[in-house]
């Protein structure tokens, strides 16, 4: 992927904390991952809004089922030490 240098303004304390955590040369990669994560969250929010517009809000039963599935996935990840969803964890259980 091609890269281009940009200038951004960050709170100094936050930026220095990240630099200490990621070490030399890791700051740009960290910021890139953070931005990618935020874009994923934004797209998920758009999807949820669209789904609720099309099908109405989730019922309590649907919310409970989703929460149970999330807890099961968390348990599976913790037990197996596998990667989180979206990080190549193809052996994770799927709904359906």
PDB file of N, CA and C in Angstrom:
ATOM      1  N   UNK A   1       0.850  -1.169   0.000  1.00  0.00           N
ATOM      2  CA  UNK A   1       0.000   0.000   0.000  1.00  0.00           C
ATOM      3  C   UNK A   1       0.897   1.234   0.000  1.00  0.00           C
ATOM      4  N   UNK A   2       0.569   2.164  -0.839  1.00  0.00           N
ATOM      5  CA  UNK A   2       1.317   3.415  -0.895  1.00  0.00           C
ATOM      6  C   UNK A   2       1.057   4.213   0.378  1.00  0.00           C
ATOM      7  N   UNK A   3       2.046   4.955   0.810  1.00  0.00           N
ATOM      8  CA  UNK A   3       1.877   5.792   1.991  1.00  0.00           C
ATOM      9  C   UNK A   3       2.182   7.241   1.642  1.00  0.00           C
ATOM     10  N   UNK A   4       1.664   8.128   2.461  1.00  0.00           N
ATOM     11  CA  UNK A   4       1.907   9.548   2.293  1.00  0.00           C
ATOM     12  C   UNK A   4       2.004  10.152   3.686  1.00  0.00           C
ATOM     13  N   UNK A   5       2.870  11.093   3.870  1.00  0.00           N
ATOM     14  CA  UNK A   5       3.066  11.724   5.160  1.00  0.00           C
ATOM     15  C   UNK A   5       2.034  12.828   5.375  1.00  0.00           C
ATOM     16  N   UNK A   6       1.425  12.841   6.568  1.00  0.00           N
ATOM     17  CA  UNK A   6       0.451  13.853   6.951  1.00  0.00           C
ATOM     18  C   UNK A   6       0.866  14.449   8.287  1.00  0.00           C
ATOM     19  N   UNK A   7       0.371  15.619   8.562  1.00  0.00           N
ATOM     20  CA  UNK A   7       0.598  16.246   9.848  1.00  0.00           C
ATOM     21  C   UNK A   7      -0.712  16.230  10.616  1.00  0.00           C
ATOM     22  N   UNK A   8      -0.673  15.713  11.842  1.00  0.00           N
ATOM     23  CA  UNK A   8      -1.845  15.708  12.710  1.00  0.00           C
ATOM     24  C   UNK A   8      -1.447  16.307  14.050  1.00  0.00           C
ATOM     25  N   UNK A   9      -2.415  16.825  14.764  1.00  0.00           N
ATOM     26  CA  UNK A   9      -2.170  17.391  16.082  1.00  0.00           C
ATOM     27  C   UNK A   9      -2.787  16.469  17.117  1.00  0.00           C
ATOM     28  N   UNK A  10      -1.969  16.048  18.076  1.00  0.00           N
ATOM     29  CA  UNK A  10      -2.404  15.147  19.137  1.00  0.00           C
ATOM     30  C   UNK A  10      -2.042  15.751  20.484  1.00  0.00           C
ATOM     31  N   UNK A  11      -2.765  15.395  21.531  1.00  0.00           N
ATOM     32  CA  UNK A  11      -2.339  15.810  22.867  1.00  0.00           C
ATOM     33  C   UNK A  11      -0.934  15.251  23.146  1.00  0.00           C
ATOM     34  N   UNK A  12      -0.048  16.103  23.600  1.00  0.00           N
ATOM     35  CA  UNK A  12       1.349  15.711  23.785  1.00  0.00           C
ATOM     36  C   UNK A  12       1.505  14.517  24.721  1.00  0.00           C
ATOM     37  N   UNK A  13       0.782  14.527  25.824  1.00  0.00           N
ATOM     38  CA  UNK A  13       0.896  13.435  26.799  1.00  0.00           C
ATOM     39  C   UNK A  13       0.505  12.095  26.181  1.00  0.00           C
ATOM     40  N   UNK A  14      -0.568  12.087  25.416  1.00  0.00           N
ATOM     41  CA  UNK A  14      -1.010  10.871  24.753  1.00  0.00           C
ATOM     42  C   UNK A  14       0.018  10.389  23.744  1.00  0.00           C
ATOM     43  N   UNK A  15       0.506  11.290  22.912  1.00  0.00           N
ATOM     44  CA  UNK A  15       1.487  10.920  21.892  1.00  0.00           C
ATOM     45  C   UNK A  15       2.754  10.355  22.526  1.00  0.00           C
ATOM     46  N   UNK A  16       3.224  10.971  23.600  1.00  0.00           N
ATOM     47  CA  UNK A  16       4.447  10.483  24.249  1.00  0.00           C
ATOM     48  C   UNK A  16       4.224   9.131  24.919  1.00  0.00           C
ATOM     49  N   UNK A  17       3.051   8.921  25.474  1.00  0.00           N
ATOM     50  CA  UNK A  17       2.723   7.628  26.073  1.00  0.00           C
ATOM     51  C   UNK A  17       2.739   6.529  25.010  1.00  0.00           C
ATOM     52  N   UNK A  18       2.165   6.811  23.864  1.00  0.00           N
ATOM     53  CA  UNK A  18       2.167   5.834  22.766  1.00  0.00           C
ATOM     54  C   UNK A  18       3.589   5.574  22.293  1.00  0.00           C
ATOM     55  N   UNK A  19       4.376   6.611  22.121  1.00  0.00           N
ATOM     56  CA  UNK A  19       5.776   6.436  21.692  1.00  0.00           C
ATOM     57  C   UNK A  19       6.539   5.540  22.658  1.00  0.00           C
ATOM     58  N   UNK A  20       6.327   5.735  23.964  1.00  0.00           N
ATOM     59  CA  UNK A  20       7.001   4.888  24.958  1.00  0.00           C
ATOM     60  C   UNK A  20       6.554   3.437  24.817  1.00  0.00           C
ATOM     61  N   UNK A  21       5.269   3.230  24.581  1.00  0.00           N
ATOM     62  CA  UNK A  21       4.731   1.871  24.489  1.00  0.00           C
ATOM     63  C   UNK A  21       5.173   1.136  23.230  1.00  0.00           C
ATOM     64  N   UNK A  22       5.207   1.828  22.095  1.00  0.00           N
ATOM     65  CA  UNK A  22       5.467   1.145  20.818  1.00  0.00           C
ATOM     66  C   UNK A  22       6.927   1.161  20.408  1.00  0.00           C
ATOM     67  N   UNK A  23       7.722   2.015  21.032  1.00  0.00           N
ATOM     68  CA  UNK A  23       9.138   2.059  20.710  1.00  0.00           C
ATOM     69  C   UNK A  23       9.420   2.801  19.415  1.00  0.00           C
ATOM     70  N   UNK A  24      10.714   2.844  19.072  1.00  0.00           N
ATOM     71  CA  UNK A  24      11.128   3.582  17.874  1.00  0.00           C
ATOM     72  C   UNK A  24      10.487   3.014  16.602  1.00  0.00           C
ATOM     73  N   UNK A  25       9.979   3.888  15.792  1.00  0.00           N
ATOM     74  CA  UNK A  25       9.433   3.474  14.502  1.00  0.00           C
ATOM     75  C   UNK A  25       8.045   2.873  14.538  1.00  0.00           C
ATOM     76  N   UNK A  26       7.439   2.724  15.717  1.00  0.00           N
ATOM     77  CA  UNK A  26       6.138   2.085  15.795  1.00  0.00           C
ATOM     78  C   UNK A  26       4.958   3.038  15.846  1.00  0.00           C
ATOM     79  N   UNK A  27       5.232   4.319  15.964  1.00  0.00           N
ATOM     80  CA  UNK A  27       4.162   5.296  16.154  1.00  0.00           C
ATOM     81  C   UNK A  27       3.214   5.339  14.962  1.00  0.00           C
ATOM     82  N   UNK A  28       3.752   5.425  13.758  1.00  0.00           N
ATOM     83  CA  UNK A  28       2.896   5.510  12.566  1.00  0.00           C
ATOM     84  C   UNK A  28       2.041   4.261  12.408  1.00  0.00           C
ATOM     85  N   UNK A  29       2.620   3.097  12.655  1.00  0.00           N
ATOM     86  CA  UNK A  29       1.856   1.846  12.550  1.00  0.00           C
ATOM     87  C   UNK A  29       0.734   1.825  13.581  1.00  0.00           C
ATOM     88  N   UNK A  30       1.014   2.301  14.787  1.00  0.00           N
ATOM     89  CA  UNK A  30       0.005   2.343  15.841  1.00  0.00           C
ATOM     90  C   UNK A  30      -1.148   3.262  15.437  1.00  0.00           C
ATOM     91  N   UNK A  31      -0.809   4.444  14.953  1.00  0.00           N
ATOM     92  CA  UNK A  31      -1.832   5.405  14.548  1.00  0.00           C
ATOM     93  C   UNK A  31      -2.645   4.843  13.379  1.00  0.00           C
ATOM     94  N   UNK A  32      -1.976   4.182  12.440  1.00  0.00           N
ATOM     95  CA  UNK A  32      -2.676   3.583  11.303  1.00  0.00           C
ATOM     96  C   UNK A  32      -3.690   2.551  11.792  1.00  0.00           C
ATOM     97  N   UNK A  33      -3.272   1.662  12.707  1.00  0.00           N
ATOM     98  CA  UNK A  33      -4.200   0.644  13.239  1.00  0.00           C
ATOM     99  C   UNK A  33      -5.369   1.304  13.969  1.00  0.00           C
ATOM    100  N   UNK A  34      -5.095   2.375  14.716  1.00  0.00           N
ATOM    101  CA  UNK A  34      -6.157   3.064  15.444  1.00  0.00           C
ATOM    102  C   UNK A  34      -7.178   3.667  14.484  1.00  0.00           C
ATOM    103  N   UNK A  35      -6.688   4.263  13.409  1.00  0.00           N
ATOM    104  CA  UNK A  35      -7.589   4.857  12.416  1.00  0.00           C
ATOM    105  C   UNK A  35      -8.385   3.764  11.697  1.00  0.00           C
ATOM    106  N   UNK A  36      -7.731   2.670  11.347  1.00  0.00           N
ATOM    107  CA  UNK A  36      -8.446   1.558  10.703  1.00  0.00           C
ATOM    108  C   UNK A  36      -9.539   1.029  11.618  1.00  0.00           C
ATOM    109  N   UNK A  37      -9.223   0.886  12.901  1.00  0.00           N
ATOM    110  CA  UNK A  37     -10.219   0.406  13.866  1.00  0.00           C
ATOM    111  C   UNK A  37     -11.406   1.374  13.947  1.00  0.00           C
ATOM    112  N   UNK A  38     -11.126   2.662  13.993  1.00  0.00           N
ATOM    113  CA  UNK A  38     -12.201   3.641  14.064  1.00  0.00           C
ATOM    114  C   UNK A  38     -13.074   3.599  12.817  1.00  0.00           C
ATOM    115  N   UNK A  39     -12.450   3.432  11.654  1.00  0.00           N
ATOM    116  CA  UNK A  39     -13.233   3.343  10.405  1.00  0.00           C
ATOM    117  C   UNK A  39     -14.144   2.112  10.438  1.00  0.00           C
ATOM    118  N   UNK A  40     -13.638   0.994  10.965  1.00  0.00           N
ATOM    119  CA  UNK A  40     -14.471  -0.206  11.090  1.00  0.00           C
ATOM    120  C   UNK A  40     -15.663   0.070  11.997  1.00  0.00           C
ATOM    121  N   UNK A  41     -15.411   0.743  13.127  1.00  0.00           N
ATOM    122  CA  UNK A  41     -16.491   1.071  14.051  1.00  0.00           C
ATOM    123  C   UNK A  41     -17.514   1.998  13.395  1.00  0.00           C
ATOM    124  N   UNK A  42     -17.036   2.968  12.631  1.00  0.00           N
ATOM    125  CA  UNK A  42     -17.945   3.874  11.932  1.00  0.00           C
ATOM    126  C   UNK A  42     -18.822   3.103  10.949  1.00  0.00           C
ATOM    127  N   UNK A  43     -18.216   2.204  10.188  1.00  0.00           N
ATOM    128  CA  UNK A  43     -18.988   1.420   9.210  1.00  0.00           C
ATOM    129  C   UNK A  43     -19.985   0.497   9.910  1.00  0.00           C
ATOM    130  N   UNK A  44     -19.586  -0.077  11.042  1.00  0.00           N
ATOM    131  CA  UNK A  44     -20.523  -0.915  11.791  1.00  0.00           C
ATOM    132  C   UNK A  44     -21.704  -0.081  12.291  1.00  0.00           C
ATOM    133  N   UNK A  45     -21.424   1.125  12.747  1.00  0.00           N
ATOM    134  CA  UNK A  45     -22.500   2.013  13.200  1.00  0.00           C
ATOM    135  C   UNK A  45     -23.464   2.329  12.069  1.00  0.00           C
ATOM    136  N   UNK A  46     -22.915   2.556  10.883  1.00  0.00           N
ATOM    137  CA  UNK A  46     -23.766   2.813   9.712  1.00  0.00           C
ATOM    138  C   UNK A  46     -24.609   1.583   9.380  1.00  0.00           C
ATOM    139  N   UNK A  47     -24.011   0.401   9.477  1.00  0.00           N
ATOM    140  CA  UNK A  47     -24.743  -0.836   9.205  1.00  0.00           C
ATOM    141  C   UNK A  47     -25.872  -1.033  10.205  1.00  0.00           C
ATOM    142  N   UNK A  48     -25.585  -0.815  11.475  1.00  0.00           N
ATOM    143  CA  UNK A  48     -26.620  -0.960  12.510  1.00  0.00           C
ATOM    144  C   UNK A  48     -27.756   0.019  12.252  1.00  0.00           C
ATOM    145  N   UNK A  49     -27.428   1.265  11.942  1.00  0.00           N
ATOM    146  CA  UNK A  49     -28.466   2.266  11.664  1.00  0.00           C
ATOM    147  C   UNK A  49     -29.328   1.831  10.486  1.00  0.00           C
ATOM    148  N   UNK A  50     -28.682   1.334   9.424  1.00  0.00           N
ATOM    149  CA  UNK A  50     -29.431   0.888   8.251  1.00  0.00           C
ATOM    150  C   UNK A  50     -30.318  -0.307   8.599  1.00  0.00           C
ATOM    151  N   UNK A  51     -29.760  -1.272   9.338  1.00  0.00           N
ATOM    152  CA  UNK A  51     -30.544  -2.462   9.699  1.00  0.00           C
ATOM    153  C   UNK A  51     -31.741  -2.092  10.564  1.00  0.00           C
ATOM    154  N   UNK A  52     -31.560  -1.158  11.490  1.00  0.00           N
ATOM    155  CA  UNK A  52     -32.678  -0.745  12.326  1.00  0.00           C
ATOM    156  C   UNK A  52     -33.716   0.030  11.523  1.00  0.00           C
ATOM    157  N   UNK A  53     -33.262   0.778  10.545  1.00  0.00           N
ATOM    158  CA  UNK A  53     -34.189   1.498   9.672  1.00  0.00           C
ATOM    159  C   UNK A  53     -35.010   0.510   8.851  1.00  0.00           C
ATOM    160  N   UNK A  54     -34.358  -0.527   8.363  1.00  0.00           N
ATOM    161  CA  UNK A  54     -35.036  -1.518   7.521  1.00  0.00           C
ATOM    162  C   UNK A  54     -35.914  -2.476   8.323  1.00  0.00           C
ATOM    163  N   UNK A  55     -35.418  -2.936   9.455  1.00  0.00           N
ATOM    164  CA  UNK A  55     -36.137  -3.975  10.190  1.00  0.00           C
ATOM    165  C   UNK A  55     -36.625  -3.584  11.560  1.00  0.00           C
ATOM    166  N   UNK A  56     -36.409  -2.346  11.933  1.00  0.00           N
ATOM    167  CA  UNK A  56     -36.824  -1.903  13.254  1.00  0.00           C
ATOM    168  C   UNK A  56     -35.790  -2.272  14.303  1.00  0.00           C
ATOM    169  N   UNK A  57     -35.969  -1.766  15.512  1.00  0.00           N
ATOM    170  CA  UNK A  57     -35.009  -2.057  16.573  1.00  0.00           C
ATOM    171  C   UNK A  57     -35.036  -3.542  16.946  1.00  0.00           C
ATOM    172  N   UNK A  58     -33.926  -4.008  17.522  1.00  0.00           N
ATOM    173  CA  UNK A  58     -33.848  -5.400  17.950  1.00  0.00           C
ATOM    174  C   UNK A  58     -34.774  -5.632  19.124  1.00  0.00           C
ATOM    175  N   UNK A  59     -35.328  -6.830  19.175  1.00  0.00           N
ATOM    176  CA  UNK A  59     -36.166  -7.207  20.310  1.00  0.00           C
ATOM    177  C   UNK A  59     -35.266  -7.590  21.481  1.00  0.00           C
ATOM    178  N   UNK A  60     -35.851  -7.671  22.670  1.00  0.00           N
ATOM    179  CA  UNK A  60     -35.081  -8.109  23.841  1.00  0.00           C
ATOM    180  C   UNK A  60     -34.541  -9.515  23.621  1.00  0.00           C
ATOM    181  N   UNK A  61     -35.313 -10.367  22.978  1.00  0.00           N
ATOM    182  CA  UNK A  61     -34.882 -11.735  22.700  1.00  0.00           C
ATOM    183  C   UNK A  61     -33.667 -11.741  21.763  1.00  0.00           C
ATOM    184  N   UNK A  62     -33.708 -10.922  20.735  1.00  0.00           N
ATOM    185  CA  UNK A  62     -32.572 -10.838  19.808  1.00  0.00           C
ATOM    186  C   UNK A  62     -31.321 -10.298  20.509  1.00  0.00           C
ATOM    187  N   UNK A  63     -31.511  -9.296  21.369  1.00  0.00           N
ATOM    188  CA  UNK A  63     -30.379  -8.746  22.122  1.00  0.00           C
ATOM    189  C   UNK A  63     -29.784  -9.801  23.051  1.00  0.00           C
ATOM    190  N   UNK A  64     -30.631 -10.565  23.719  1.00  0.00           N
ATOM    191  CA  UNK A  64     -30.149 -11.610  24.628  1.00  0.00           C
ATOM    192  C   UNK A  64     -29.387 -12.681  23.854  1.00  0.00           C
ATOM    193  N   UNK A  65     -29.890 -13.059  22.685  1.00  0.00           N
ATOM    194  CA  UNK A  65     -29.203 -14.064  21.871  1.00  0.00           C
ATOM    195  C   UNK A  65     -27.846 -13.551  21.404  1.00  0.00           C
ATOM    196  N   UNK A  66     -27.780 -12.303  21.008  1.00  0.00           N
ATOM    197  CA  UNK A  66     -26.511 -11.719  20.561  1.00  0.00           C
ATOM    198  C   UNK A  66     -25.520 -11.660  21.718  1.00  0.00           C
ATOM    199  N   UNK A  67     -25.997 -11.279  22.889  1.00  0.00           N
ATOM    200  CA  UNK A  67     -25.118 -11.219  24.064  1.00  0.00           C
ATOM    201  C   UNK A  67     -24.606 -12.604  24.439  1.00  0.00           C
ATOM    202  N   UNK A  68     -25.462 -13.615  24.359  1.00  0.00           N
ATOM    203  CA  UNK A  68     -25.033 -14.988  24.658  1.00  0.00           C
ATOM    204  C   UNK A  68     -23.974 -15.446  23.662  1.00  0.00           C
ATOM    205  N   UNK A  69     -24.149 -15.108  22.406  1.00  0.00           N
ATOM    206  CA  UNK A  69     -23.165 -15.476  21.388  1.00  0.00           C
ATOM    207  C   UNK A  69     -21.840 -14.755  21.631  1.00  0.00           C
ATOM    208  N   UNK A  70     -21.919 -13.487  22.018  1.00  0.00           N
ATOM    209  CA  UNK A  70     -20.692 -12.740  22.311  1.00  0.00           C
ATOM    210  C   UNK A  70     -19.940 -13.355  23.488  1.00  0.00           C
ATOM    211  N   UNK A  71     -20.673 -13.730  24.540  1.00  0.00           N
ATOM    212  CA  UNK A  71     -20.028 -14.361  25.698  1.00  0.00           C
ATOM    213  C   UNK A  71     -19.385 -15.685  25.303  1.00  0.00           C
ATOM    214  N   UNK A  72     -20.056 -16.462  24.464  1.00  0.00           N
ATOM    215  CA  UNK A  72     -19.502 -17.736  23.999  1.00  0.00           C
ATOM    216  C   UNK A  72     -18.227 -17.512  23.188  1.00  0.00           C
ATOM    217  N   UNK A  73     -18.238 -16.528  22.337  1.00  0.00           N
ATOM    218  CA  UNK A  73     -17.051 -16.213  21.548  1.00  0.00           C
ATOM    219  C   UNK A  73     -15.904 -15.769  22.451  1.00  0.00           C
ATOM    220  N   UNK A  74     -16.191 -14.913  23.432  1.00  0.00           N
ATOM    221  CA  UNK A  74     -15.163 -14.491  24.383  1.00  0.00           C
ATOM    222  C   UNK A  74     -14.583 -15.697  25.125  1.00  0.00           C
ATOM    223  N   UNK A  75     -15.447 -16.618  25.547  1.00  0.00           N
ATOM    224  CA  UNK A  75     -14.998 -17.821  26.248  1.00  0.00           C
ATOM    225  C   UNK A  75     -14.097 -18.649  25.347  1.00  0.00           C
ATOM    226  N   UNK A  76     -14.508 -18.833  24.110  1.00  0.00           N
ATOM    227  CA  UNK A  76     -13.728 -19.627  23.154  1.00  0.00           C
ATOM    228  C   UNK A  76     -12.355 -19.012  22.926  1.00  0.00           C
ATOM    229  N   UNK A  77     -12.314 -17.700  22.742  1.00  0.00           N
ATOM    230  CA  UNK A  77     -11.044 -17.006  22.515  1.00  0.00           C
ATOM    231  C   UNK A  77     -10.149 -17.152  23.742  1.00  0.00           C
ATOM    232  N   UNK A  78     -10.719 -16.971  24.933  1.00  0.00           N
ATOM    233  CA  UNK A  78      -9.929 -17.069  26.160  1.00  0.00           C
ATOM    234  C   UNK A  78      -9.376 -18.476  26.351  1.00  0.00           C
ATOM    235  N   UNK A  79     -10.181 -19.484  26.085  1.00  0.00           N
ATOM    236  CA  UNK A  79      -9.744 -20.876  26.271  1.00  0.00           C
ATOM    237  C   UNK A  79      -8.679 -21.289  25.269  1.00  0.00           C
ATOM    238  N   UNK A  80      -8.835 -20.885  24.036  1.00  0.00           N
ATOM    239  CA  UNK A  80      -7.935 -21.338  22.981  1.00  0.00           C
ATOM    240  C   UNK A  80      -6.777 -20.385  22.745  1.00  0.00           C
ATOM    241  N   UNK A  81      -6.895 -19.183  23.254  1.00  0.00           N
ATOM    242  CA  UNK A  81      -5.846 -18.206  23.011  1.00  0.00           C
ATOM    243  C   UNK A  81      -5.765 -17.811  21.557  1.00  0.00           C
ATOM    244  N   UNK A  82      -6.886 -17.933  20.843  1.00  0.00           N
ATOM    245  CA  UNK A  82      -6.911 -17.611  19.419  1.00  0.00           C
ATOM    246  C   UNK A  82      -7.073 -16.125  19.221  1.00  0.00           C
ATOM    247  N   UNK A  83      -6.814 -15.695  18.000  1.00  0.00           N
ATOM    248  CA  UNK A  83      -6.926 -14.280  17.649  1.00  0.00           C
ATOM    249  C   UNK A  83      -8.373 -13.839  17.726  1.00  0.00           C
ATOM    250  N   UNK A  84      -8.551 -12.561  17.942  1.00  0.00           N
ATOM    251  CA  UNK A  84      -9.889 -11.978  17.966  1.00  0.00           C
ATOM    252  C   UNK A  84     -10.506 -12.056  16.581  1.00  0.00           C
ATOM    253  N   UNK A  85     -11.848 -12.024  16.490  1.00  0.00           N
ATOM    254  CA  UNK A  85     -12.502 -12.051  15.184  1.00  0.00           C
ATOM    255  C   UNK A  85     -11.960 -10.969  14.273  1.00  0.00           C
ATOM    256  N   UNK A  86     -11.801 -11.321  13.023  1.00  0.00           N
ATOM    257  CA  UNK A  86     -11.293 -10.374  12.047  1.00  0.00           C
ATOM    258  C   UNK A  86      -9.784 -10.376  11.962  1.00  0.00           C
ATOM    259  N   UNK A  87      -9.133 -11.180  12.803  1.00  0.00           N
ATOM    260  CA  UNK A  87      -7.668 -11.226  12.813  1.00  0.00           C
ATOM    261  C   UNK A  87      -7.184 -12.592  12.355  1.00  0.00           C
ATOM    262  N   UNK A  88      -7.967 -13.262  11.537  1.00  0.00           N
ATOM    263  CA  UNK A  88      -7.540 -14.539  10.985  1.00  0.00           C
ATOM    264  C   UNK A  88      -7.982 -15.734  11.808  1.00  0.00           C
ATOM    265  N   UNK A  89      -8.864 -15.552  12.771  1.00  0.00           N
ATOM    266  CA  UNK A  89      -9.315 -16.649  13.614  1.00  0.00           C
ATOM    267  C   UNK A  89     -10.402 -17.458  12.934  1.00  0.00           C
ATOM    268  N   UNK A  90     -10.060 -18.218  11.909  1.00  0.00           N
ATOM    269  CA  UNK A  90     -11.058 -18.919  11.110  1.00  0.00           C
ATOM    270  C   UNK A  90     -11.674 -20.104  11.833  1.00  0.00           C
ATOM    271  N   UNK A  91     -11.110 -20.547  12.982  1.00  0.00           N
ATOM    272  CA  UNK A  91     -11.671 -21.691  13.672  1.00  0.00           C
ATOM    273  C   UNK A  91     -12.663 -21.273  14.748  1.00  0.00           C
ATOM    274  N   UNK A  92     -13.055 -19.994  14.787  1.00  0.00           N
ATOM    275  CA  UNK A  92     -13.986 -19.524  15.777  1.00  0.00           C
ATOM    276  C   UNK A  92     -15.399 -19.943  15.417  1.00  0.00           C
ATOM    277  N   UNK A  93     -16.227 -20.202  16.457  1.00  0.00           N
ATOM    278  CA  UNK A  93     -17.604 -20.612  16.161  1.00  0.00           C
ATOM    279  C   UNK A  93     -18.379 -19.493  15.518  1.00  0.00           C
ATOM    280  N   UNK A  94     -19.289 -19.852  14.643  1.00  0.00           N
ATOM    281  CA  UNK A  94     -20.114 -18.870  13.949  1.00  0.00           C
ATOM    282  C   UNK A  94     -21.580 -19.151  14.253  1.00  0.00           C
ATOM    283  N   UNK A  95     -22.369 -18.095  14.266  1.00  0.00           N
ATOM    284  CA  UNK A  95     -23.805 -18.258  14.467  1.00  0.00           C
ATOM    285  C   UNK A  95     -24.426 -18.869  13.224  1.00  0.00           C
ATOM    286  N   UNK A  96     -25.544 -19.512  13.427  1.00  0.00           N
ATOM    287  CA  UNK A  96     -26.250 -19.989  12.251  1.00  0.00           C
ATOM    288  C   UNK A  96     -26.582 -21.357  12.325  1.00  0.00           C
TER     289      UNK A  96
END
